[in-house]
Every structure is written in structure tokens, then in C-alpha cells.
Amino acid sequence: MPDTSTKKRLPMRLRKLIGMIVLIVWMTIYTLIAAALLSLIPPISFWLQLACYILAGLAWVIPVKYLLNWMQAPDAE
């Protein structure tokens, strides 16, 4: 029975290439969606708008963190 506990990883160079393409596509889509949603906020309160812009400016970091961890994982030997 073959050993299935070791996972075969892509080489780091290929992971970085794929990751950068995914990152560019993700940031483009995220920026367009965030800009569209933030344009719907009525200019009632400066503080509400500021909070929404800060949240939108930081929310992209969460998925990118996992992508960068995957890209930087050491090669399997």
C-alpha cells in the first residue's frame, strides 16, 4: 500500500508564479467590488464612511495571508 501521508507540492518557483497571478486577479476584482459597494454608502456621516473605507482597505489582507503562506512554504524533499 503506497504511503499517502506525504503530499507532493509544486516547486516554490511555480507556486510563486501562480500566486502572483492569483494575487493580481484577486486585487483587481476586490478593488472593483469594494469601490462599487463603497459608492453606495450615502454621505450621511463622515465617520461611517471612514470606518467602511478602513474596513475595505484591510479586508483584502485575510485571504492574501493564506496565499502568501502557500507561496512561501518550503519545497518538499
N, C-alpha and C. Protein backbone atom coordinates (compact mmCIF):
# COMPACT_ATOMS: atom_id res chain seq x y z
N MET A 1 0.85 -1.18 0.00
CA MET A 1 0.00 0.00 0.00
C MET A 1 0.90 1.24 0.00
N PRO A 2 0.68 2.17 -0.93
CA PRO A 2 1.54 3.35 -1.01
C PRO A 2 1.31 4.30 0.17
N ASP A 3 2.37 5.02 0.51
CA ASP A 3 2.29 5.98 1.61
C ASP A 3 1.63 7.26 1.11
N THR A 4 0.44 7.56 1.64
CA THR A 4 -0.30 8.75 1.20
C THR A 4 -0.15 9.91 2.18
N SER A 5 0.71 9.76 3.18
CA SER A 5 0.85 10.82 4.18
C SER A 5 1.69 11.99 3.66
N THR A 6 2.57 11.73 2.69
CA THR A 6 3.38 12.82 2.15
C THR A 6 2.67 13.42 0.95
N LYS A 7 2.50 14.71 0.99
CA LYS A 7 1.82 15.41 -0.09
C LYS A 7 2.87 15.96 -1.05
N LYS A 8 2.63 15.80 -2.32
CA LYS A 8 3.54 16.33 -3.32
C LYS A 8 3.19 17.79 -3.55
N ARG A 9 4.18 18.66 -3.38
CA ARG A 9 3.98 20.09 -3.57
C ARG A 9 4.54 20.52 -4.91
N LEU A 10 3.98 21.60 -5.39
CA LEU A 10 4.55 22.24 -6.57
C LEU A 10 5.87 22.88 -6.16
N PRO A 11 6.80 23.02 -7.08
CA PRO A 11 8.04 23.72 -6.74
C PRO A 11 7.75 25.17 -6.36
N MET A 12 8.57 25.74 -5.48
CA MET A 12 8.33 27.09 -4.98
C MET A 12 8.27 28.11 -6.12
N ARG A 13 9.11 27.95 -7.10
CA ARG A 13 9.12 28.89 -8.22
C ARG A 13 7.77 28.91 -8.94
N LEU A 14 7.19 27.74 -9.16
CA LEU A 14 5.90 27.65 -9.82
C LEU A 14 4.79 28.18 -8.90
N ARG A 15 4.87 27.86 -7.60
CA ARG A 15 3.88 28.39 -6.64
C ARG A 15 3.90 29.91 -6.63
N LYS A 16 5.09 30.51 -6.69
CA LYS A 16 5.19 31.97 -6.68
C LYS A 16 4.59 32.57 -7.95
N LEU A 17 4.82 31.93 -9.09
CA LEU A 17 4.24 32.42 -10.34
C LEU A 17 2.71 32.35 -10.28
N ILE A 18 2.20 31.21 -9.89
CA ILE A 18 0.74 31.04 -9.78
C ILE A 18 0.18 32.02 -8.75
N GLY A 19 0.86 32.14 -7.61
CA GLY A 19 0.40 33.03 -6.55
C GLY A 19 0.35 34.48 -6.98
N MET A 20 1.34 34.92 -7.74
CA MET A 20 1.35 36.31 -8.20
C MET A 20 0.23 36.58 -9.20
N ILE A 21 -0.04 35.61 -10.06
CA ILE A 21 -1.16 35.77 -11.00
C ILE A 21 -2.47 35.82 -10.24
N VAL A 22 -2.65 34.92 -9.28
CA VAL A 22 -3.87 34.92 -8.46
C VAL A 22 -3.99 36.23 -7.68
N LEU A 23 -2.88 36.71 -7.15
CA LEU A 23 -2.89 37.95 -6.37
C LEU A 23 -3.30 39.14 -7.23
N ILE A 24 -2.78 39.24 -8.44
CA ILE A 24 -3.15 40.34 -9.33
C ILE A 24 -4.63 40.29 -9.69
N VAL A 25 -5.11 39.08 -10.02
CA VAL A 25 -6.53 38.93 -10.36
C VAL A 25 -7.40 39.24 -9.14
N TRP A 26 -7.03 38.71 -7.97
CA TRP A 26 -7.79 38.94 -6.73
C TRP A 26 -7.87 40.44 -6.41
N MET A 27 -6.73 41.13 -6.46
CA MET A 27 -6.72 42.55 -6.10
C MET A 27 -7.54 43.38 -7.08
N THR A 28 -7.50 43.03 -8.35
CA THR A 28 -8.30 43.75 -9.35
C THR A 28 -9.79 43.57 -9.07
N ILE A 29 -10.20 42.33 -8.89
CA ILE A 29 -11.62 42.06 -8.63
C ILE A 29 -12.05 42.67 -7.30
N TYR A 30 -11.24 42.51 -6.26
CA TYR A 30 -11.58 43.06 -4.95
C TYR A 30 -11.71 44.58 -5.00
N THR A 31 -10.79 45.24 -5.69
CA THR A 31 -10.83 46.69 -5.78
C THR A 31 -12.10 47.16 -6.50
N LEU A 32 -12.45 46.51 -7.58
CA LEU A 32 -13.66 46.89 -8.32
C LEU A 32 -14.92 46.69 -7.48
N ILE A 33 -14.99 45.55 -6.79
CA ILE A 33 -16.17 45.27 -5.96
C ILE A 33 -16.23 46.23 -4.78
N ALA A 34 -15.09 46.47 -4.11
CA ALA A 34 -15.08 47.37 -2.96
C ALA A 34 -15.45 48.79 -3.38
N ALA A 35 -14.92 49.25 -4.51
CA ALA A 35 -15.26 50.59 -4.98
C ALA A 35 -16.74 50.71 -5.32
N ALA A 36 -17.29 49.68 -5.93
CA ALA A 36 -18.72 49.70 -6.27
C ALA A 36 -19.58 49.72 -5.01
N LEU A 37 -19.21 48.89 -4.02
CA LEU A 37 -20.00 48.84 -2.79
C LEU A 37 -19.86 50.13 -1.98
N LEU A 38 -18.66 50.67 -1.92
CA LEU A 38 -18.44 51.88 -1.14
C LEU A 38 -19.09 53.10 -1.78
N SER A 39 -19.31 53.05 -3.08
CA SER A 39 -20.00 54.17 -3.73
C SER A 39 -21.49 54.19 -3.38
N LEU A 40 -22.01 53.08 -2.85
CA LEU A 40 -23.42 53.00 -2.47
C LEU A 40 -23.70 53.61 -1.10
N ILE A 41 -22.65 53.87 -0.33
CA ILE A 41 -22.84 54.43 1.01
C ILE A 41 -23.24 55.90 0.88
N PRO A 42 -24.39 56.26 1.45
CA PRO A 42 -24.79 57.67 1.36
C PRO A 42 -23.86 58.54 2.22
N PRO A 43 -23.58 59.75 1.77
CA PRO A 43 -22.66 60.63 2.51
C PRO A 43 -23.33 61.25 3.75
N ILE A 44 -23.88 60.40 4.61
CA ILE A 44 -24.56 60.89 5.80
C ILE A 44 -23.56 61.23 6.88
N SER A 45 -22.65 60.33 7.14
CA SER A 45 -21.72 60.51 8.24
C SER A 45 -20.30 60.28 7.75
N PHE A 46 -19.45 61.23 8.03
CA PHE A 46 -18.03 61.11 7.69
C PHE A 46 -17.43 59.92 8.42
N TRP A 47 -17.78 59.72 9.67
CA TRP A 47 -17.19 58.64 10.47
C TRP A 47 -17.63 57.27 9.98
N LEU A 48 -18.87 57.15 9.53
CA LEU A 48 -19.34 55.88 8.95
C LEU A 48 -18.57 55.57 7.67
N GLN A 49 -18.40 56.58 6.82
CA GLN A 49 -17.64 56.38 5.60
C GLN A 49 -16.20 56.02 5.90
N LEU A 50 -15.60 56.70 6.85
CA LEU A 50 -14.22 56.42 7.21
C LEU A 50 -14.06 54.99 7.71
N ALA A 51 -14.98 54.56 8.55
CA ALA A 51 -14.92 53.18 9.07
C ALA A 51 -15.06 52.17 7.93
N CYS A 52 -15.94 52.41 7.00
CA CYS A 52 -16.13 51.50 5.88
C CYS A 52 -14.90 51.45 4.99
N TYR A 53 -14.29 52.60 4.74
CA TYR A 53 -13.08 52.62 3.91
C TYR A 53 -11.91 51.92 4.61
N ILE A 54 -11.80 52.10 5.91
CA ILE A 54 -10.74 51.40 6.66
C ILE A 54 -10.97 49.90 6.62
N LEU A 55 -12.21 49.47 6.83
CA LEU A 55 -12.53 48.04 6.78
C LEU A 55 -12.25 47.47 5.40
N ALA A 56 -12.66 48.17 4.36
CA ALA A 56 -12.40 47.69 2.99
C ALA A 56 -10.92 47.70 2.67
N GLY A 57 -10.20 48.65 3.23
CA GLY A 57 -8.77 48.72 2.98
C GLY A 57 -7.97 47.63 3.66
N LEU A 58 -8.53 47.04 4.69
CA LEU A 58 -7.82 45.99 5.43
C LEU A 58 -8.36 44.58 5.15
N ALA A 59 -9.56 44.46 4.63
CA ALA A 59 -10.21 43.16 4.47
C ALA A 59 -9.51 42.27 3.45
N TRP A 60 -8.81 42.84 2.49
CA TRP A 60 -8.14 42.03 1.47
C TRP A 60 -6.96 41.24 2.04
N VAL A 61 -6.46 41.66 3.21
CA VAL A 61 -5.27 41.05 3.78
C VAL A 61 -5.54 39.61 4.22
N ILE A 62 -6.73 39.31 4.70
CA ILE A 62 -7.02 37.99 5.25
C ILE A 62 -6.83 36.88 4.22
N PRO A 63 -7.46 36.94 3.04
CA PRO A 63 -7.23 35.86 2.07
C PRO A 63 -5.81 35.85 1.51
N VAL A 64 -5.20 37.03 1.39
CA VAL A 64 -3.85 37.10 0.84
C VAL A 64 -2.84 36.47 1.80
N LYS A 65 -3.11 36.54 3.09
CA LYS A 65 -2.22 35.92 4.08
C LYS A 65 -2.06 34.43 3.80
N TYR A 66 -3.15 33.74 3.51
CA TYR A 66 -3.10 32.31 3.23
C TYR A 66 -2.40 32.03 1.90
N LEU A 67 -2.63 32.89 0.93
CA LEU A 67 -1.96 32.73 -0.36
C LEU A 67 -0.45 32.89 -0.20
N LEU A 68 -0.01 33.89 0.53
CA LEU A 68 1.42 34.12 0.74
C LEU A 68 2.06 32.98 1.54
N ASN A 69 1.35 32.45 2.52
CA ASN A 69 1.87 31.29 3.27
C ASN A 69 2.06 30.08 2.34
N TRP A 70 1.12 29.87 1.45
CA TRP A 70 1.23 28.77 0.49
C TRP A 70 2.41 28.99 -0.45
N MET A 71 2.56 30.24 -0.91
CA MET A 71 3.64 30.54 -1.85
C MET A 71 5.02 30.36 -1.20
N GLN A 72 5.14 30.69 0.08
CA GLN A 72 6.43 30.66 0.76
C GLN A 72 6.76 29.33 1.44
N ALA A 73 5.86 28.37 1.37
CA ALA A 73 6.11 27.07 2.00
C ALA A 73 7.35 26.43 1.37
N PRO A 74 8.17 25.79 2.18
CA PRO A 74 9.39 25.17 1.62
C PRO A 74 9.04 24.00 0.70
N ASP A 75 9.93 23.77 -0.23
CA ASP A 75 9.76 22.64 -1.14
C ASP A 75 9.85 21.31 -0.38
N ALA A 76 9.06 20.35 -0.80
CA ALA A 76 9.13 19.01 -0.20
C ALA A 76 10.40 18.32 -0.72
N GLU A 77 11.02 17.58 0.15
CA GLU A 77 12.26 16.91 -0.27
C GLU A 77 12.11 15.42 -0.23
